[in-house]
Amino acid sequence: MARITIALSDRTHLALKLLSLQKEKRVIKIIQEAIEQHLKNEGAYDLGIHSKKDDEAQPDTTSP
């Protein structure tokens, strides 16, 4: 599992801590769930990585 470090405002950090207490979940679990939900909503799990060279090699199928 990859690790990242993020900076949060004091207000956001406090909100996470309070939500953690209310939901009886660890802060990291709340953050992980929020990130996963956001990525699903944005369709990020369906994205692929390709180079500009790959784009040039494929014919343009958007024009009639």
N, C-alpha and C. Protein backbone atom coordinates (compact mmCIF):
# COMPACT_ATOMS: atom_id res chain seq x y z
N MET A 1 0.85 -1.18 0.00
CA MET A 1 0.00 0.00 0.00
C MET A 1 0.89 1.24 0.00
N ALA A 2 0.58 2.17 -0.87
CA ALA A 2 1.34 3.42 -0.96
C ALA A 2 0.94 4.36 0.19
N ARG A 3 1.86 5.21 0.57
CA ARG A 3 1.59 6.20 1.63
C ARG A 3 1.76 7.60 1.04
N ILE A 4 0.93 8.52 1.50
CA ILE A 4 1.07 9.92 1.12
C ILE A 4 0.97 10.79 2.36
N THR A 5 1.46 12.00 2.26
CA THR A 5 1.34 12.98 3.33
C THR A 5 0.56 14.16 2.78
N ILE A 6 -0.42 14.61 3.53
CA ILE A 6 -1.21 15.76 3.10
C ILE A 6 -1.27 16.80 4.23
N ALA A 7 -1.48 18.03 3.86
CA ALA A 7 -1.65 19.11 4.82
C ALA A 7 -3.14 19.47 4.86
N LEU A 8 -3.68 19.60 6.04
CA LEU A 8 -5.08 19.97 6.23
C LEU A 8 -5.17 21.23 7.07
N SER A 9 -6.20 22.00 6.82
CA SER A 9 -6.45 23.15 7.69
C SER A 9 -6.83 22.62 9.07
N ASP A 10 -6.66 23.44 10.08
CA ASP A 10 -7.05 23.04 11.44
C ASP A 10 -8.53 22.69 11.50
N ARG A 11 -9.34 23.44 10.77
CA ARG A 11 -10.79 23.22 10.76
C ARG A 11 -11.13 21.85 10.17
N THR A 12 -10.48 21.50 9.04
CA THR A 12 -10.73 20.21 8.40
C THR A 12 -10.23 19.08 9.29
N HIS A 13 -9.08 19.25 9.89
CA HIS A 13 -8.54 18.22 10.79
C HIS A 13 -9.48 17.98 11.96
N LEU A 14 -9.98 19.04 12.55
CA LEU A 14 -10.91 18.92 13.67
C LEU A 14 -12.20 18.23 13.21
N ALA A 15 -12.71 18.61 12.04
CA ALA A 15 -13.94 17.98 11.53
C ALA A 15 -13.72 16.48 11.34
N LEU A 16 -12.58 16.10 10.82
CA LEU A 16 -12.27 14.67 10.66
C LEU A 16 -12.22 13.95 12.00
N LYS A 17 -11.58 14.57 12.96
CA LYS A 17 -11.48 13.95 14.29
C LYS A 17 -12.86 13.79 14.92
N LEU A 18 -13.70 14.82 14.81
CA LEU A 18 -15.03 14.74 15.38
C LEU A 18 -15.90 13.71 14.67
N LEU A 19 -15.80 13.66 13.34
CA LEU A 19 -16.54 12.66 12.58
C LEU A 19 -16.06 11.25 12.95
N SER A 20 -14.78 11.12 13.14
CA SER A 20 -14.20 9.85 13.55
C SER A 20 -14.80 9.37 14.88
N LEU A 21 -14.91 10.26 15.81
CA LEU A 21 -15.52 9.91 17.10
C LEU A 21 -16.99 9.56 16.95
N GLN A 22 -17.71 10.38 16.17
CA GLN A 22 -19.14 10.16 15.97
C GLN A 22 -19.42 8.83 15.28
N LYS A 23 -18.63 8.51 14.26
CA LYS A 23 -18.85 7.29 13.47
C LYS A 23 -18.14 6.07 14.06
N GLU A 24 -17.31 6.32 15.08
CA GLU A 24 -16.50 5.26 15.68
C GLU A 24 -15.65 4.56 14.62
N LYS A 25 -15.01 5.39 13.78
CA LYS A 25 -14.10 4.92 12.74
C LYS A 25 -12.80 5.67 12.89
N ARG A 26 -11.72 5.05 12.46
CA ARG A 26 -10.43 5.74 12.47
C ARG A 26 -10.43 6.82 11.38
N VAL A 27 -9.70 7.88 11.64
CA VAL A 27 -9.61 9.00 10.69
C VAL A 27 -9.11 8.49 9.33
N ILE A 28 -8.12 7.63 9.32
CA ILE A 28 -7.57 7.13 8.06
C ILE A 28 -8.64 6.40 7.25
N LYS A 29 -9.52 5.67 7.92
CA LYS A 29 -10.59 4.94 7.23
C LYS A 29 -11.56 5.93 6.58
N ILE A 30 -11.90 6.99 7.27
CA ILE A 30 -12.80 8.02 6.71
C ILE A 30 -12.15 8.66 5.48
N ILE A 31 -10.86 8.96 5.57
CA ILE A 31 -10.15 9.58 4.45
C ILE A 31 -10.09 8.61 3.27
N GLN A 32 -9.75 7.35 3.52
CA GLN A 32 -9.69 6.36 2.44
C GLN A 32 -11.04 6.20 1.75
N GLU A 33 -12.11 6.11 2.53
CA GLU A 33 -13.45 5.97 1.95
C GLU A 33 -13.83 7.19 1.12
N ALA A 34 -13.47 8.38 1.61
CA ALA A 34 -13.79 9.61 0.87
C ALA A 34 -13.03 9.68 -0.45
N ILE A 35 -11.77 9.30 -0.42
CA ILE A 35 -10.97 9.32 -1.65
C ILE A 35 -11.51 8.30 -2.64
N GLU A 36 -11.79 7.09 -2.18
CA GLU A 36 -12.31 6.05 -3.07
C GLU A 36 -13.64 6.47 -3.69
N GLN A 37 -14.52 7.06 -2.89
CA GLN A 37 -15.82 7.51 -3.41
C GLN A 37 -15.63 8.60 -4.45
N HIS A 38 -14.73 9.53 -4.19
CA HIS A 38 -14.47 10.61 -5.14
C HIS A 38 -13.92 10.06 -6.45
N LEU A 39 -12.99 9.12 -6.37
CA LEU A 39 -12.42 8.53 -7.58
C LEU A 39 -13.48 7.77 -8.37
N LYS A 40 -14.38 7.07 -7.69
CA LYS A 40 -15.48 6.38 -8.38
C LYS A 40 -16.38 7.39 -9.07
N ASN A 41 -16.74 8.45 -8.36
CA ASN A 41 -17.64 9.48 -8.92
C ASN A 41 -17.04 10.15 -10.15
N GLU A 42 -15.73 10.32 -10.16
CA GLU A 42 -15.04 10.97 -11.27
C GLU A 42 -14.67 10.01 -12.39
N GLY A 43 -14.91 8.71 -12.18
CA GLY A 43 -14.57 7.72 -13.19
C GLY A 43 -13.07 7.47 -13.29
N ALA A 44 -12.35 7.80 -12.23
CA ALA A 44 -10.89 7.69 -12.27
C ALA A 44 -10.40 6.25 -12.36
N TYR A 45 -11.18 5.31 -11.86
CA TYR A 45 -10.75 3.91 -11.91
C TYR A 45 -10.81 3.37 -13.34
N ASP A 46 -11.51 4.07 -14.22
CA ASP A 46 -11.62 3.64 -15.61
C ASP A 46 -10.59 4.30 -16.52
N LEU A 47 -9.79 5.22 -15.96
CA LEU A 47 -8.80 5.93 -16.77
C LEU A 47 -7.62 5.03 -17.08
N GLY A 48 -6.99 5.29 -18.20
CA GLY A 48 -5.79 4.57 -18.58
C GLY A 48 -4.66 5.54 -18.79
N ILE A 49 -3.48 5.02 -18.82
CA ILE A 49 -2.31 5.85 -19.07
C ILE A 49 -1.78 5.51 -20.45
N HIS A 50 -1.59 6.54 -21.26
CA HIS A 50 -1.01 6.33 -22.58
C HIS A 50 -0.20 7.56 -22.95
N SER A 51 0.67 7.38 -23.88
CA SER A 51 1.55 8.48 -24.27
C SER A 51 0.95 9.26 -25.43
N LYS A 52 1.50 10.42 -25.67
CA LYS A 52 1.08 11.24 -26.80
C LYS A 52 1.33 10.48 -28.11
N LYS A 53 2.40 9.70 -28.13
CA LYS A 53 2.72 8.90 -29.31
C LYS A 53 1.60 7.91 -29.61
N ASP A 54 1.00 7.33 -28.57
CA ASP A 54 -0.12 6.41 -28.75
C ASP A 54 -1.31 7.13 -29.41
N ASP A 55 -1.56 8.37 -29.01
CA ASP A 55 -2.66 9.15 -29.59
C ASP A 55 -2.44 9.37 -31.08
N GLU A 56 -1.21 9.66 -31.45
CA GLU A 56 -0.90 9.95 -32.85
C GLU A 56 -1.01 8.69 -33.71
N ALA A 57 -0.77 7.53 -33.12
CA ALA A 57 -0.80 6.27 -33.86
C ALA A 57 -2.22 5.78 -34.13
N GLN A 58 -3.19 6.25 -33.33
CA GLN A 58 -4.57 5.79 -33.47
C GLN A 58 -5.33 6.74 -34.39
N PRO A 59 -6.14 6.20 -35.29
CA PRO A 59 -6.93 7.06 -36.17
C PRO A 59 -8.02 7.79 -35.39
N ASP A 60 -8.34 8.98 -35.82
CA ASP A 60 -9.39 9.77 -35.18
C ASP A 60 -10.75 9.24 -35.63
N THR A 61 -11.50 8.68 -34.68
CA THR A 61 -12.81 8.11 -34.99
C THR A 61 -13.94 9.05 -34.60
N THR A 62 -13.60 10.26 -34.14
CA THR A 62 -14.65 11.18 -33.71
C THR A 62 -15.21 11.99 -34.87
N SER A 63 -14.49 12.10 -35.99
CA SER A 63 -14.97 12.86 -37.14
C SER A 63 -15.69 11.93 -38.11
N PRO A 64 -16.73 12.44 -38.77
CA PRO A 64 -17.45 11.60 -39.74
C PRO A 64 -16.67 11.36 -41.01
